[in-house]
Amino acid sequence: MARIGRYGGSGKGRLVLAAGIVLISLATYFWNSSENPVTGEKERVALSPDQEIALGLQTAPEIAAQFGGEVRDPKANALVDRVGAELLAGLEKTLAEQGRKNPYPFEFHLLADDETVNAFALPGGQVFITAALFQQFETEGQLAMVLGHEIGHVLSRHGAERMAKQNLSVGLVSATGVAADDQRAMMAAQAAASMINMKYGRNDEFESDRWGVRLAYAAGYDPQAIFGVMKILENAGGGGSAPEFLSTHPKPANRVEYAKQVLAEEFPNGVPTGLKP
C-alpha cells in the first residue's frame, strides 16, 4: 500500500505536484517581463506602472500613520517638496533628451517620527523621509541625495521586481515542502530564499545610490553630498549593525567606496564647481 503523507498523496504524487508548482512558478516569473519606461531595460516585475501607482496611493496613508503621520511644519514640508520638485525637473530634462518620459506622479512626505532614521519609497512614486533623518541634514544637497536615492528605487521598479522574486520564492518553497513532506526542509528553503532576496536588495541600494548622484547633479546640487549622508547613516547605526550578508542595506563604509567609484565614472574630469551644497 502506498504511504500517505501529510500533503495527502503518495511519494510519487507529491513529486508530480511539486514539479507542477515549480513549473508554474518559474513560468510566471520569466513570462512577467516588461520594458522599464524610464531606463528601457527588460525587467521581471509583478506589476504594471499603473498598478504600482495604485498600490502606492492605496498604501501611503497607512504607512504614514505607522510613523506618526506627516509633520505639521509648513516650512519643513515646503523644503522637502521644493527639493523633490527640483530633482524631478532635472529628471524630466534628462529623460526628454533621451526621448523618454517619467510615468510616475511622485509625492514627497515628511513623517513625524523623530526617533527612526529612515527614508523609503513605495512603488509608483510615494517617497517618505522621517523627521529623525531630516533633522540631521546639514545641507539641501544631503536632502536632495536621499530623495534622489528613493526616486531611483521607484524608477528602477525595485518594489515590483522584489514582489516578483518573492512570488517565485514562495512557489519554490511550497514545492520543496510538498516534495519532501518535511516542515524542516520547508523552513530551510524559506531561509535560503530570504537570503537570496536580501542580496538583491543590497544591489538595489547601490543602483539607487547612482540614481541619487545623477539626479542631485541634474538638479544643480553637489553630488559629493552623498558622503555626508553616509556619515549620518554610519552614526545612526552606532556600530552595532547586523552582519552585511544578512542586511538589505550595504554598510555605509562599502557605500562610500561605491560612491567614489560612481563619482569617478560620472565625472571623469572631476565634479564641476559652482554647484549648490
C-alpha atoms as a PDB file:
ATOM      1  CA  MET A   1       0.000   0.000   0.000  1.00  0.00           C
ATOM      2  CA  ALA A   2       1.312   3.418  -0.900  1.00  0.00           C
ATOM      3  CA  ARG A   3       2.282   5.607   2.055  1.00  0.00           C
ATOM      4  CA  ILE A   4       0.062   8.647   2.529  1.00  0.00           C
ATOM      5  CA  GLY A   5       1.966  11.793   3.537  1.00  0.00           C
ATOM      6  CA  ARG A   6       0.783  14.942   5.249  1.00  0.00           C
ATOM      7  CA  TYR A   7       0.001  16.525   1.878  1.00  0.00           C
ATOM      8  CA  GLY A   8      -2.491  13.777   1.142  1.00  0.00           C
ATOM      9  CA  GLY A   9      -0.731  11.696  -1.545  1.00  0.00           C
ATOM     10  CA  SER A  10       1.928   9.103  -2.255  1.00  0.00           C
ATOM     11  CA  GLY A  11       5.593   9.978  -2.600  1.00  0.00           C
ATOM     12  CA  LYS A  12       5.297   9.895  -6.394  1.00  0.00           C
ATOM     13  CA  GLY A  13       2.193  12.047  -6.299  1.00  0.00           C
ATOM     14  CA  ARG A  14       3.940  14.641  -4.143  1.00  0.00           C
ATOM     15  CA  LEU A  15       6.840  14.837  -6.596  1.00  0.00           C
ATOM     16  CA  VAL A  16       4.460  15.354  -9.515  1.00  0.00           C
ATOM     17  CA  LEU A  17       2.607  18.071  -7.594  1.00  0.00           C
ATOM     18  CA  ALA A  18       5.883  19.738  -6.558  1.00  0.00           C
ATOM     19  CA  ALA A  19       7.157  19.692 -10.142  1.00  0.00           C
ATOM     20  CA  GLY A  20       3.938  21.346 -11.275  1.00  0.00           C
ATOM     21  CA  ILE A  21       4.308  24.086  -8.675  1.00  0.00           C
ATOM     22  CA  VAL A  22       7.913  24.685  -9.765  1.00  0.00           C
ATOM     23  CA  LEU A  23       6.985  24.901 -13.444  1.00  0.00           C
ATOM     24  CA  ILE A  24       4.104  27.312 -12.808  1.00  0.00           C
ATOM     25  CA  SER A  25       6.236  29.485 -10.519  1.00  0.00           C
ATOM     26  CA  LEU A  26       9.113  29.661 -12.991  1.00  0.00           C
ATOM     27  CA  ALA A  27       6.843  30.271 -15.966  1.00  0.00           C
ATOM     28  CA  THR A  28       5.025  33.079 -14.152  1.00  0.00           C
ATOM     29  CA  TYR A  29       8.299  34.713 -13.135  1.00  0.00           C
ATOM     30  CA  PHE A  30      10.011  34.539 -16.521  1.00  0.00           C
ATOM     31  CA  TRP A  31       6.927  35.444 -18.540  1.00  0.00           C
ATOM     32  CA  ASN A  32       6.223  38.563 -16.461  1.00  0.00           C
ATOM     33  CA  SER A  33       8.834  40.579 -18.326  1.00  0.00           C
ATOM     34  CA  SER A  34       8.374  44.153 -19.478  1.00  0.00           C
ATOM     35  CA  GLU A  35      10.433  47.132 -20.575  1.00  0.00           C
ATOM     36  CA  ASN A  36      11.151  49.780 -17.984  1.00  0.00           C
ATOM     37  CA  PRO A  37       9.651  53.002 -19.436  1.00  0.00           C
ATOM     38  CA  VAL A  38      12.447  55.092 -17.891  1.00  0.00           C
ATOM     39  CA  THR A  39      15.582  53.016 -18.448  1.00  0.00           C
ATOM     40  CA  GLY A  40      14.472  50.890 -21.404  1.00  0.00           C
ATOM     41  CA  GLU A  41      15.788  47.776 -19.656  1.00  0.00           C
ATOM     42  CA  LYS A  42      13.934  44.478 -19.666  1.00  0.00           C
ATOM     43  CA  GLU A  43      12.740  43.587 -16.169  1.00  0.00           C
ATOM     44  CA  ARG A  44      10.812  40.805 -14.476  1.00  0.00           C
ATOM     45  CA  VAL A  45       8.177  42.560 -12.420  1.00  0.00           C
ATOM     46  CA  ALA A  46       4.895  41.665 -10.775  1.00  0.00           C
ATOM     47  CA  LEU A  47       3.061  44.920 -11.540  1.00  0.00           C
ATOM     48  CA  SER A  48       2.474  47.344 -14.399  1.00  0.00           C
ATOM     49  CA  PRO A  49       3.345  51.045 -13.809  1.00  0.00           C
ATOM     50  CA  ASP A  50      -0.351  51.837 -13.349  1.00  0.00           C
ATOM     51  CA  GLN A  51      -0.670  49.059 -10.779  1.00  0.00           C
ATOM     52  CA  GLU A  52       2.436  50.332  -8.981  1.00  0.00           C
ATOM     53  CA  ILE A  53       0.914  53.816  -8.789  1.00  0.00           C
ATOM     54  CA  ALA A  54      -2.410  52.476  -7.492  1.00  0.00           C
ATOM     55  CA  LEU A  55      -0.667  50.308  -4.875  1.00  0.00           C
ATOM     56  CA  GLY A  56       1.450  53.203  -3.650  1.00  0.00           C
ATOM     57  CA  LEU A  57      -1.511  55.576  -3.361  1.00  0.00           C
ATOM     58  CA  GLN A  58      -3.562  52.971  -1.534  1.00  0.00           C
ATOM     59  CA  THR A  59      -0.799  52.075   0.918  1.00  0.00           C
ATOM     60  CA  ALA A  60       0.667  55.531   1.606  1.00  0.00           C
ATOM     61  CA  PRO A  61      -1.815  56.677   4.322  1.00  0.00           C
ATOM     62  CA  GLU A  62      -1.333  53.500   6.361  1.00  0.00           C
ATOM     63  CA  ILE A  63       2.449  53.698   6.050  1.00  0.00           C
ATOM     64  CA  ALA A  64       2.477  57.360   7.088  1.00  0.00           C
ATOM     65  CA  ALA A  65       0.331  56.559  10.133  1.00  0.00           C
ATOM     66  CA  GLN A  66       2.885  53.980  11.299  1.00  0.00           C
ATOM     67  CA  PHE A  67       5.459  56.796  11.522  1.00  0.00           C
ATOM     68  CA  GLY A  68       3.261  59.278  13.365  1.00  0.00           C
ATOM     69  CA  GLY A  69       1.697  60.865  10.305  1.00  0.00           C
ATOM     70  CA  GLU A  70       3.114  63.806   8.395  1.00  0.00           C
ATOM     71  CA  VAL A  71       4.972  66.661  10.071  1.00  0.00           C
ATOM     72  CA  ARG A  72       2.801  69.725  10.742  1.00  0.00           C
ATOM     73  CA  ASP A  73       5.517  72.180   9.804  1.00  0.00           C
ATOM     74  CA  PRO A  74       4.698  74.095   6.610  1.00  0.00           C
ATOM     75  CA  LYS A  75       8.255  75.360   6.218  1.00  0.00           C
ATOM     76  CA  ALA A  76       9.833  71.901   6.505  1.00  0.00           C
ATOM     77  CA  ASN A  77       7.238  70.339   4.207  1.00  0.00           C
ATOM     78  CA  ALA A  78       7.753  73.109   1.670  1.00  0.00           C
ATOM     79  CA  LEU A  79      11.517  72.468   1.677  1.00  0.00           C
ATOM     80  CA  VAL A  80      11.056  68.747   1.030  1.00  0.00           C
ATOM     81  CA  ASP A  81       8.543  69.446  -1.739  1.00  0.00           C
ATOM     82  CA  ARG A  82      10.783  72.077  -3.354  1.00  0.00           C
ATOM     83  CA  VAL A  83      13.893  69.908  -3.401  1.00  0.00           C
ATOM     84  CA  GLY A  84      11.822  66.999  -4.670  1.00  0.00           C
ATOM     85  CA  ALA A  85      10.425  69.172  -7.455  1.00  0.00           C
ATOM     86  CA  GLU A  86      13.936  70.272  -8.432  1.00  0.00           C
ATOM     87  CA  LEU A  87      15.042  66.659  -8.683  1.00  0.00           C
ATOM     88  CA  LEU A  88      12.043  65.796 -10.852  1.00  0.00           C
ATOM     89  CA  ALA A  89      12.671  68.786 -13.106  1.00  0.00           C
ATOM     90  CA  GLY A  90      16.234  67.568 -13.642  1.00  0.00           C
ATOM     91  CA  LEU A  91      14.945  64.072 -14.309  1.00  0.00           C
ATOM     92  CA  GLU A  92      12.377  65.261 -16.853  1.00  0.00           C
ATOM     93  CA  LYS A  93      15.027  67.255 -18.708  1.00  0.00           C
ATOM     94  CA  THR A  94      17.381  64.273 -18.822  1.00  0.00           C
ATOM     95  CA  LEU A  95      14.657  61.880 -19.996  1.00  0.00           C
ATOM     96  CA  ALA A  96      13.447  64.330 -22.646  1.00  0.00           C
ATOM     97  CA  GLU A  97      16.929  64.308 -24.156  1.00  0.00           C
ATOM     98  CA  GLN A  98      16.633  60.515 -24.387  1.00  0.00           C
ATOM     99  CA  GLY A  99      13.128  60.586 -25.844  1.00  0.00           C
ATOM    100  CA  ARG A 100      11.608  59.087 -22.686  1.00  0.00           C
ATOM    101  CA  LYS A 101       9.080  60.187 -20.080  1.00  0.00           C
ATOM    102  CA  ASN A 102       8.609  59.601 -16.369  1.00  0.00           C
ATOM    103  CA  PRO A 103       5.294  57.740 -15.832  1.00  0.00           C
ATOM    104  CA  TYR A 104       5.235  58.170 -12.048  1.00  0.00           C
ATOM    105  CA  PRO A 105       3.423  61.050 -10.244  1.00  0.00           C
ATOM    106  CA  PHE A 106       5.852  61.494  -7.340  1.00  0.00           C
ATOM    107  CA  GLU A 107       4.749  62.831  -3.969  1.00  0.00           C
ATOM    108  CA  PHE A 108       7.056  63.576  -1.035  1.00  0.00           C
ATOM    109  CA  HIS A 109       6.138  63.079   2.619  1.00  0.00           C
ATOM    110  CA  LEU A 110       7.993  64.258   5.742  1.00  0.00           C
ATOM    111  CA  LEU A 111       6.971  61.969   8.587  1.00  0.00           C
ATOM    112  CA  ALA A 112       6.722  62.994  12.245  1.00  0.00           C
ATOM    113  CA  ASP A 113       8.796  60.092  13.635  1.00  0.00           C
ATOM    114  CA  ASP A 114      11.770  61.795  15.301  1.00  0.00           C
ATOM    115  CA  GLU A 115      13.437  58.586  16.504  1.00  0.00           C
ATOM    116  CA  THR A 116      13.670  56.347  13.438  1.00  0.00           C
ATOM    117  CA  VAL A 117      16.338  57.431  10.952  1.00  0.00           C
ATOM    118  CA  ASN A 118      14.848  56.267   7.682  1.00  0.00           C
ATOM    119  CA  ALA A 119      13.729  57.099   4.170  1.00  0.00           C
ATOM    120  CA  PHE A 120      11.868  54.832   1.774  1.00  0.00           C
ATOM    121  CA  ALA A 121       9.627  54.779  -1.273  1.00  0.00           C
ATOM    122  CA  LEU A 122       6.573  52.807  -2.286  1.00  0.00           C
ATOM    123  CA  PRO A 123       6.065  51.568  -5.844  1.00  0.00           C
ATOM    124  CA  GLY A 124       4.551  54.240  -8.023  1.00  0.00           C
ATOM    125  CA  GLY A 125       6.169  57.356  -6.577  1.00  0.00           C
ATOM    126  CA  GLN A 126       5.265  57.837  -2.906  1.00  0.00           C
ATOM    127  CA  VAL A 127       8.503  58.933  -1.178  1.00  0.00           C
ATOM    128  CA  PHE A 128       8.900  59.242   2.602  1.00  0.00           C
ATOM    129  CA  ILE A 129      11.569  60.616   4.920  1.00  0.00           C
ATOM    130  CA  THR A 130      11.408  60.683   8.713  1.00  0.00           C
ATOM    131  CA  ALA A 131      11.961  63.768  10.828  1.00  0.00           C
ATOM    132  CA  ALA A 132      14.751  61.892  12.627  1.00  0.00           C
ATOM    133  CA  LEU A 133      16.755  61.803   9.395  1.00  0.00           C
ATOM    134  CA  PHE A 134      15.634  65.166   8.036  1.00  0.00           C
ATOM    135  CA  GLN A 135      16.780  66.971  11.194  1.00  0.00           C
ATOM    136  CA  GLN A 136      20.336  65.701  10.755  1.00  0.00           C
ATOM    137  CA  PHE A 137      20.894  67.166   7.304  1.00  0.00           C
ATOM    138  CA  GLU A 138      23.411  69.990   7.181  1.00  0.00           C
ATOM    139  CA  THR A 139      22.758  70.976   3.558  1.00  0.00           C
ATOM    140  CA  GLU A 140      19.972  70.837   0.988  1.00  0.00           C
ATOM    141  CA  GLY A 141      22.280  68.681  -1.090  1.00  0.00           C
ATOM    142  CA  GLN A 142      22.098  65.926   1.508  1.00  0.00           C
ATOM    143  CA  LEU A 143      18.305  66.059   1.392  1.00  0.00           C
ATOM    144  CA  ALA A 144      18.464  66.002  -2.406  1.00  0.00           C
ATOM    145  CA  MET A 145      20.727  62.948  -2.322  1.00  0.00           C
ATOM    146  CA  VAL A 146      18.347  60.970  -0.098  1.00  0.00           C
ATOM    147  CA  LEU A 147      15.242  61.933  -2.070  1.00  0.00           C
ATOM    148  CA  GLY A 148      17.083  61.166  -5.320  1.00  0.00           C
ATOM    149  CA  HIS A 149      18.056  57.767  -3.967  1.00  0.00           C
ATOM    150  CA  GLU A 150      14.419  56.966  -3.162  1.00  0.00           C
ATOM    151  CA  ILE A 151      13.257  58.274  -6.543  1.00  0.00           C
ATOM    152  CA  GLY A 152      15.785  55.843  -8.015  1.00  0.00           C
ATOM    153  CA  HIS A 153      14.108  52.895  -6.291  1.00  0.00           C
ATOM    154  CA  VAL A 154      10.841  53.846  -7.961  1.00  0.00           C
ATOM    155  CA  LEU A 155      12.333  54.489 -11.407  1.00  0.00           C
ATOM    156  CA  SER A 156      14.193  51.159 -11.305  1.00  0.00           C
ATOM    157  CA  ARG A 157      10.959  49.449 -10.207  1.00  0.00           C
ATOM    158  CA  HIS A 158      12.734  47.699  -7.358  1.00  0.00           C
ATOM    159  CA  GLY A 159       9.474  47.181  -5.464  1.00  0.00           C
ATOM    160  CA  ALA A 160       7.780  45.420  -8.388  1.00  0.00           C
ATOM    161  CA  GLU A 161      10.927  43.349  -9.022  1.00  0.00           C
ATOM    162  CA  ARG A 162      11.121  42.335  -5.382  1.00  0.00           C
ATOM    163  CA  MET A 163       7.456  41.292  -5.398  1.00  0.00           C
ATOM    164  CA  ALA A 164       8.069  39.095  -8.452  1.00  0.00           C
ATOM    165  CA  LYS A 165      11.072  37.457  -6.792  1.00  0.00           C
ATOM    166  CA  GLN A 166       9.155  36.901  -3.588  1.00  0.00           C
ATOM    167  CA  ASN A 167       6.306  35.285  -5.512  1.00  0.00           C
ATOM    168  CA  LEU A 168       8.832  32.966  -7.148  1.00  0.00           C
ATOM    169  CA  SER A 169      10.419  32.180  -3.792  1.00  0.00           C
ATOM    170  CA  VAL A 170       7.043  31.331  -2.254  1.00  0.00           C
ATOM    171  CA  GLY A 171       6.306  28.940  -5.094  1.00  0.00           C
ATOM    172  CA  LEU A 172       9.673  27.183  -4.869  1.00  0.00           C
ATOM    173  CA  VAL A 173       9.474  26.940  -1.080  1.00  0.00           C
ATOM    174  CA  SER A 174       5.999  25.420  -1.337  1.00  0.00           C
ATOM    175  CA  ALA A 175       7.287  22.892  -3.873  1.00  0.00           C
ATOM    176  CA  THR A 176      10.141  21.924  -1.528  1.00  0.00           C
ATOM    177  CA  GLY A 177       7.744  21.306   1.325  1.00  0.00           C
ATOM    178  CA  VAL A 178       5.398  19.263  -0.843  1.00  0.00           C
ATOM    179  CA  ALA A 179       8.178  17.124  -2.318  1.00  0.00           C
ATOM    180  CA  ALA A 180       9.938  16.450   0.989  1.00  0.00           C
ATOM    181  CA  ASP A 181       6.791  16.260   3.107  1.00  0.00           C
ATOM    182  CA  ASP A 182       9.075  17.807   5.727  1.00  0.00           C
ATOM    183  CA  GLN A 183       8.423  21.034   7.623  1.00  0.00           C
ATOM    184  CA  ARG A 184      12.120  21.432   8.456  1.00  0.00           C
ATOM    185  CA  ALA A 185      13.039  21.260   4.778  1.00  0.00           C
ATOM    186  CA  MET A 186      10.487  23.942   4.014  1.00  0.00           C
ATOM    187  CA  MET A 187      11.875  26.198   6.757  1.00  0.00           C
ATOM    188  CA  ALA A 188      15.419  25.757   5.415  1.00  0.00           C
ATOM    189  CA  ALA A 189      14.230  26.610   1.919  1.00  0.00           C
ATOM    190  CA  GLN A 190      12.459  29.714   3.239  1.00  0.00           C
ATOM    191  CA  ALA A 191      15.665  30.871   4.951  1.00  0.00           C
ATOM    192  CA  ALA A 192      17.653  30.384   1.749  1.00  0.00           C
ATOM    193  CA  ALA A 193      15.051  32.255  -0.284  1.00  0.00           C
ATOM    194  CA  SER A 194      15.110  35.143   2.196  1.00  0.00           C
ATOM    195  CA  MET A 195      18.885  35.491   1.909  1.00  0.00           C
ATOM    196  CA  ILE A 196      18.660  35.474  -1.901  1.00  0.00           C
ATOM    197  CA  ASN A 197      16.117  38.295  -1.815  1.00  0.00           C
ATOM    198  CA  MET A 198      18.286  40.211   0.669  1.00  0.00           C
ATOM    199  CA  LYS A 199      21.199  40.024  -1.750  1.00  0.00           C
ATOM    200  CA  TYR A 200      19.118  41.573  -4.475  1.00  0.00           C
ATOM    201  CA  GLY A 201      18.087  44.283  -2.038  1.00  0.00           C
ATOM    202  CA  ARG A 202      21.694  45.326  -1.466  1.00  0.00           C
ATOM    203  CA  ASN A 203      22.258  45.599  -5.222  1.00  0.00           C
ATOM    204  CA  ASP A 204      19.151  47.762  -5.415  1.00  0.00           C
ATOM    205  CA  GLU A 205      20.677  50.107  -2.851  1.00  0.00           C
ATOM    206  CA  PHE A 206      23.847  50.517  -4.883  1.00  0.00           C
ATOM    207  CA  GLU A 207      21.825  51.194  -8.031  1.00  0.00           C
ATOM    208  CA  SER A 208      19.760  53.807  -6.221  1.00  0.00           C
ATOM    209  CA  ASP A 209      22.902  55.479  -4.884  1.00  0.00           C
ATOM    210  CA  ARG A 210      23.900  56.015  -8.516  1.00  0.00           C
ATOM    211  CA  TRP A 211      20.472  57.491  -9.231  1.00  0.00           C
ATOM    212  CA  GLY A 212      20.923  59.815  -6.259  1.00  0.00           C
ATOM    213  CA  VAL A 213      24.225  61.097  -7.620  1.00  0.00           C
ATOM    214  CA  ARG A 214      22.812  61.654 -11.106  1.00  0.00           C
ATOM    215  CA  LEU A 215      19.578  63.306 -10.001  1.00  0.00           C
ATOM    216  CA  ALA A 216      21.243  65.570  -7.448  1.00  0.00           C
ATOM    217  CA  TYR A 217      23.662  66.797 -10.098  1.00  0.00           C
ATOM    218  CA  ALA A 218      20.866  67.256 -12.655  1.00  0.00           C
ATOM    219  CA  ALA A 219      19.095  69.465 -10.085  1.00  0.00           C
ATOM    220  CA  GLY A 220      22.218  71.568  -9.568  1.00  0.00           C
ATOM    221  CA  TYR A 221      23.380  70.053  -6.285  1.00  0.00           C
ATOM    222  CA  ASP A 222      26.906  68.880  -5.486  1.00  0.00           C
ATOM    223  CA  PRO A 223      26.685  65.046  -5.676  1.00  0.00           C
ATOM    224  CA  GLN A 224      29.521  64.804  -3.164  1.00  0.00           C
ATOM    225  CA  ALA A 225      26.799  65.408  -0.566  1.00  0.00           C
ATOM    226  CA  ILE A 226      26.460  61.630  -0.627  1.00  0.00           C
ATOM    227  CA  PHE A 227      29.455  61.386   1.705  1.00  0.00           C
ATOM    228  CA  GLY A 228      27.712  63.495   4.347  1.00  0.00           C
ATOM    229  CA  VAL A 229      24.650  61.254   4.058  1.00  0.00           C
ATOM    230  CA  MET A 230      26.764  58.142   4.570  1.00  0.00           C
ATOM    231  CA  LYS A 231      28.293  59.708   7.680  1.00  0.00           C
ATOM    232  CA  ILE A 232      24.823  60.334   9.081  1.00  0.00           C
ATOM    233  CA  LEU A 233      23.829  56.721   8.409  1.00  0.00           C
ATOM    234  CA  GLU A 234      27.034  55.429   9.958  1.00  0.00           C
ATOM    235  CA  ASN A 235      26.446  57.450  13.124  1.00  0.00           C
ATOM    236  CA  ALA A 236      22.813  56.279  13.248  1.00  0.00           C
ATOM    237  CA  GLY A 237      23.974  52.652  13.072  1.00  0.00           C
ATOM    238  CA  GLY A 238      26.028  53.074  16.218  1.00  0.00           C
ATOM    239  CA  GLY A 239      28.468  50.394  15.140  1.00  0.00           C
ATOM    240  CA  GLY A 240      26.098  47.622  16.215  1.00  0.00           C
ATOM    241  CA  SER A 241      24.523  46.693  12.900  1.00  0.00           C
ATOM    242  CA  ALA A 242      23.900  43.123  11.772  1.00  0.00           C
ATOM    243  CA  PRO A 243      26.418  41.348   9.514  1.00  0.00           C
ATOM    244  CA  GLU A 244      26.214  42.747   5.995  1.00  0.00           C
ATOM    245  CA  PHE A 245      25.388  39.342   4.489  1.00  0.00           C
ATOM    246  CA  LEU A 246      22.087  39.352   6.390  1.00  0.00           C
ATOM    247  CA  SER A 247      21.270  43.011   5.768  1.00  0.00           C
ATOM    248  CA  THR A 248      19.262  44.541   2.946  1.00  0.00           C
ATOM    249  CA  HIS A 249      21.463  47.639   3.054  1.00  0.00           C
ATOM    250  CA  PRO A 250      25.193  47.684   2.364  1.00  0.00           C
ATOM    251  CA  LYS A 251      27.297  49.049   5.203  1.00  0.00           C
ATOM    252  CA  PRO A 252      27.924  52.789   4.880  1.00  0.00           C
ATOM    253  CA  ALA A 253      31.673  52.176   4.507  1.00  0.00           C
ATOM    254  CA  ASN A 254      31.044  49.973   1.451  1.00  0.00           C
ATOM    255  CA  ARG A 255      28.598  52.507   0.025  1.00  0.00           C
ATOM    256  CA  VAL A 256      31.217  55.231   0.408  1.00  0.00           C
ATOM    257  CA  GLU A 257      33.633  53.209  -1.711  1.00  0.00           C
ATOM    258  CA  TYR A 258      30.915  52.627  -4.266  1.00  0.00           C
ATOM    259  CA  ALA A 259      30.053  56.338  -4.255  1.00  0.00           C
ATOM    260  CA  LYS A 260      33.686  57.199  -5.003  1.00  0.00           C
ATOM    261  CA  GLN A 261      33.556  54.801  -7.946  1.00  0.00           C
ATOM    262  CA  VAL A 262      30.305  56.309  -9.234  1.00  0.00           C
ATOM    263  CA  LEU A 263      31.621  59.866  -8.994  1.00  0.00           C
ATOM    264  CA  ALA A 264      34.783  58.880 -10.861  1.00  0.00           C
ATOM    265  CA  GLU A 265      32.702  57.288 -13.622  1.00  0.00           C
ATOM    266  CA  GLU A 266      30.125  60.075 -13.875  1.00  0.00           C
ATOM    267  CA  PHE A 267      32.668  62.888 -13.648  1.00  0.00           C
ATOM    268  CA  PRO A 268      35.985  61.624 -15.072  1.00  0.00           C
ATOM    269  CA  ASN A 269      37.335  65.189 -15.081  1.00  0.00           C
ATOM    270  CA  GLY A 270      36.193  65.864 -11.537  1.00  0.00           C
ATOM    271  CA  VAL A 271      32.907  67.136 -10.125  1.00  0.00           C
ATOM    272  CA  PRO A 272      32.161  70.590 -11.588  1.00  0.00           C
ATOM    273  CA  THR A 273      32.379  73.573  -9.258  1.00  0.00           C
ATOM    274  CA  GLY A 274      29.677  76.135  -8.519  1.00  0.00           C
ATOM    275  CA  LEU A 275      27.044  73.584  -7.533  1.00  0.00           C
ATOM    276  CA  LYS A 276      24.639  74.052  -4.626  1.00  0.00           C
ATOM    277  CA  PRO A 277      25.897  72.390  -1.404  1.00  0.00           C
END
